C-alpha cells in the first residue's frame, strides 16, 4: 500500500512512475537529492523495501531497477523479463509456464522449486525492423 511507504520510498516510487525505463540507483539519487535523499544508502534501503513489497524489480544483468507493471507481483515468487540487446527495452512477462517448467526440472534433481528471476535476451521487433 502506498500509504504505508516511508517518505523516501514514496519519492523513489514517484521517480519510477515518471520514467519508462530501468533506472540505476545513482540515477535515482540524482533525481531525488534536492528532495532530501542525500546518500546512496538511503536509495538502496528504499529500493530493497519497494522490491520486497512488489513495487519494483531488480534487473540483475543491468544492475538497474524497473517499476512493476503487474499488480499481482506481491503474490508471485517468480518474475521473467524480455530484454532487447539493442535498445535495452525491458518487458515483464507473466507466465506460469516458466514456473511449472522449472518446478519439473527441480523435481528431476530432487530439489523443491521456490522461485526464479529470469532474464531473456533478444532483439525487439522495432530494432529488428531497423536493421
Foldseek 3Di string as FASTA:
>chain_A
DLVPADPLLNLLLVVQVVDQAWAALVVSCVVCVVVPDPDSVSSVVSVVVCVQQQQWDQPVVVNTIHGDPDPCRNVDQEWEWEAEPPPRRIDTDDDCVVVVVVQVVQVVVVHGDDYYYYYHYDHDPVRVVVD
